[in-house]
Amino acid sequence: MSYKLKSLVYFSCLVVAIFAYVQVDNENVLEENNNTVELQNIEENTNNNDLIVQLSEEE
């Protein structure tokens, strides 16, 4: 294979690897965001339950 063809193949592989890395990183960020929202919902539910318990204890 000529030097130019080898260089083109290596460069193409590098571009594909970078693209795949960015895609995986984006998926990880989305998963972290979903986990954060889920934790916030759990915290809100816990706060609501605590309030219900407090009101029940006061009665």
N, C-alpha and C. Protein backbone atom coordinates (compact mmCIF):
# COMPACT_ATOMS: atom_id res chain seq x y z
N MET A 1 0.85 -1.18 0.00
CA MET A 1 0.00 0.00 0.00
C MET A 1 0.89 1.24 0.00
N SER A 2 0.43 2.23 -0.70
CA SER A 2 1.22 3.45 -0.75
C SER A 2 1.10 4.21 0.57
N TYR A 3 2.04 5.08 0.80
CA TYR A 3 2.07 5.85 2.04
C TYR A 3 0.82 6.71 2.19
N LYS A 4 0.36 7.32 1.09
CA LYS A 4 -0.83 8.17 1.16
C LYS A 4 -2.07 7.37 1.50
N LEU A 5 -2.19 6.17 0.95
CA LEU A 5 -3.35 5.34 1.24
C LEU A 5 -3.35 4.87 2.69
N LYS A 6 -2.19 4.49 3.19
CA LYS A 6 -2.08 4.10 4.60
C LYS A 6 -2.44 5.26 5.51
N SER A 7 -1.95 6.43 5.17
CA SER A 7 -2.25 7.61 5.98
C SER A 7 -3.75 7.90 5.99
N LEU A 8 -4.37 7.75 4.84
CA LEU A 8 -5.82 7.99 4.74
C LEU A 8 -6.58 6.97 5.60
N VAL A 9 -6.17 5.71 5.57
CA VAL A 9 -6.83 4.68 6.37
C VAL A 9 -6.66 4.97 7.86
N TYR A 10 -5.45 5.30 8.28
CA TYR A 10 -5.21 5.61 9.70
C TYR A 10 -5.99 6.83 10.14
N PHE A 11 -6.02 7.84 9.29
CA PHE A 11 -6.75 9.06 9.62
C PHE A 11 -8.24 8.76 9.75
N SER A 12 -8.78 7.95 8.84
CA SER A 12 -10.19 7.58 8.89
C SER A 12 -10.51 6.83 10.18
N CYS A 13 -9.62 5.92 10.56
CA CYS A 13 -9.82 5.19 11.82
C CYS A 13 -9.81 6.14 13.01
N LEU A 14 -8.93 7.11 12.99
CA LEU A 14 -8.85 8.09 14.07
C LEU A 14 -10.15 8.89 14.15
N VAL A 15 -10.66 9.32 13.01
CA VAL A 15 -11.90 10.10 12.99
C VAL A 15 -13.06 9.26 13.53
N VAL A 16 -13.14 7.99 13.12
CA VAL A 16 -14.21 7.12 13.61
C VAL A 16 -14.08 6.91 15.12
N ALA A 17 -12.85 6.73 15.61
CA ALA A 17 -12.63 6.52 17.04
C ALA A 17 -13.05 7.76 17.84
N ILE A 18 -12.71 8.94 17.34
CA ILE A 18 -13.09 10.18 18.02
C ILE A 18 -14.60 10.33 18.03
N PHE A 19 -15.25 10.04 16.90
CA PHE A 19 -16.71 10.13 16.82
C PHE A 19 -17.35 9.17 17.82
N ALA A 20 -16.86 7.95 17.90
CA ALA A 20 -17.42 6.96 18.82
C ALA A 20 -17.23 7.41 20.27
N TYR A 21 -16.06 7.96 20.58
CA TYR A 21 -15.80 8.45 21.94
C TYR A 21 -16.77 9.56 22.32
N VAL A 22 -17.02 10.47 21.41
CA VAL A 22 -17.93 11.58 21.68
C VAL A 22 -19.35 11.06 21.90
N GLN A 23 -19.76 10.08 21.09
CA GLN A 23 -21.09 9.51 21.25
C GLN A 23 -21.25 8.84 22.61
N VAL A 24 -20.25 8.05 23.01
CA VAL A 24 -20.30 7.38 24.31
C VAL A 24 -20.32 8.40 25.44
N ASP A 25 -19.52 9.44 25.31
CA ASP A 25 -19.48 10.49 26.33
C ASP A 25 -20.82 11.19 26.44
N ASN A 26 -21.47 11.46 25.31
CA ASN A 26 -22.78 12.10 25.31
C ASN A 26 -23.82 11.20 25.99
N GLU A 27 -23.75 9.90 25.72
CA GLU A 27 -24.68 8.97 26.36
C GLU A 27 -24.47 8.95 27.87
N ASN A 28 -23.22 9.01 28.30
CA ASN A 28 -22.93 9.03 29.74
C ASN A 28 -23.48 10.29 30.39
N VAL A 29 -23.35 11.41 29.71
CA VAL A 29 -23.87 12.67 30.25
C VAL A 29 -25.39 12.61 30.37
N LEU A 30 -26.05 12.06 29.35
CA LEU A 30 -27.51 11.94 29.41
C LEU A 30 -27.93 11.02 30.55
N GLU A 31 -27.19 9.93 30.73
CA GLU A 31 -27.52 9.01 31.82
C GLU A 31 -27.33 9.68 33.18
N GLU A 32 -26.26 10.47 33.30
CA GLU A 32 -26.03 11.19 34.56
C GLU A 32 -27.14 12.20 34.81
N ASN A 33 -27.58 12.87 33.76
CA ASN A 33 -28.67 13.84 33.92
C ASN A 33 -29.96 13.14 34.34
N ASN A 34 -30.24 11.98 33.75
CA ASN A 34 -31.44 11.23 34.13
C ASN A 34 -31.34 10.78 35.58
N ASN A 35 -30.16 10.34 36.00
CA ASN A 35 -29.97 9.91 37.39
C ASN A 35 -30.16 11.08 38.35
N THR A 36 -29.69 12.26 37.96
CA THR A 36 -29.84 13.44 38.80
C THR A 36 -31.31 13.80 38.97
N VAL A 37 -32.05 13.75 37.87
CA VAL A 37 -33.49 14.06 37.93
C VAL A 37 -34.19 13.04 38.81
N GLU A 38 -33.82 11.76 38.65
CA GLU A 38 -34.44 10.71 39.47
C GLU A 38 -34.14 10.92 40.96
N LEU A 39 -32.90 11.29 41.28
CA LEU A 39 -32.55 11.55 42.67
C LEU A 39 -33.31 12.75 43.22
N GLN A 40 -33.49 13.78 42.39
CA GLN A 40 -34.25 14.95 42.83
C GLN A 40 -35.71 14.57 43.11
N ASN A 41 -36.26 13.70 42.27
CA ASN A 41 -37.64 13.24 42.49
C ASN A 41 -37.74 12.43 43.77
N ILE A 42 -36.76 11.58 44.01
CA ILE A 42 -36.76 10.78 45.24
C ILE A 42 -36.66 11.70 46.45
N GLU A 43 -35.80 12.71 46.37
CA GLU A 43 -35.64 13.65 47.48
C GLU A 43 -36.94 14.41 47.74
N GLU A 44 -37.59 14.82 46.66
CA GLU A 44 -38.87 15.54 46.81
C GLU A 44 -39.92 14.64 47.45
N ASN A 45 -39.98 13.39 47.02
CA ASN A 45 -40.94 12.45 47.61
C ASN A 45 -40.64 12.22 49.09
N THR A 46 -39.36 12.12 49.42
CA THR A 46 -38.96 11.93 50.81
C THR A 46 -39.36 13.13 51.65
N ASN A 47 -39.14 14.32 51.13
CA ASN A 47 -39.54 15.54 51.85
C ASN A 47 -41.04 15.59 52.06
N ASN A 48 -41.80 15.19 51.04
CA ASN A 48 -43.26 15.16 51.17
C ASN A 48 -43.69 14.14 52.22
N ASN A 49 -43.04 12.98 52.22
CA ASN A 49 -43.38 11.96 53.21
C ASN A 49 -43.04 12.43 54.63
N ASP A 50 -41.90 13.12 54.77
CA ASP A 50 -41.53 13.66 56.08
C ASP A 50 -42.58 14.66 56.57
N LEU A 51 -43.06 15.48 55.65
CA LEU A 51 -44.08 16.47 56.01
C LEU A 51 -45.37 15.78 56.45
N ILE A 52 -45.75 14.72 55.73
CA ILE A 52 -46.95 13.97 56.10
C ILE A 52 -46.80 13.38 57.50
N VAL A 53 -45.62 12.83 57.78
CA VAL A 53 -45.37 12.24 59.11
C VAL A 53 -45.43 13.32 60.18
N GLN A 54 -44.86 14.48 59.92
CA GLN A 54 -44.89 15.57 60.89
C GLN A 54 -46.33 16.02 61.17
N LEU A 55 -47.10 16.15 60.09
CA LEU A 55 -48.50 16.57 60.27
C LEU A 55 -49.29 15.50 61.03
N SER A 56 -49.00 14.24 60.76
CA SER A 56 -49.69 13.16 61.46
C SER A 56 -49.33 13.16 62.94
N GLU A 57 -48.08 13.44 63.25
CA GLU A 57 -47.64 13.46 64.64
C GLU A 57 -48.25 14.63 65.40
N GLU A 58 -48.48 15.73 64.71
CA GLU A 58 -49.04 16.92 65.36
C GLU A 58 -50.52 16.73 65.69
N GLU A 59 -51.20 15.89 64.95
CA GLU A 59 -52.64 15.69 65.18
C GLU A 59 -52.92 14.83 66.34
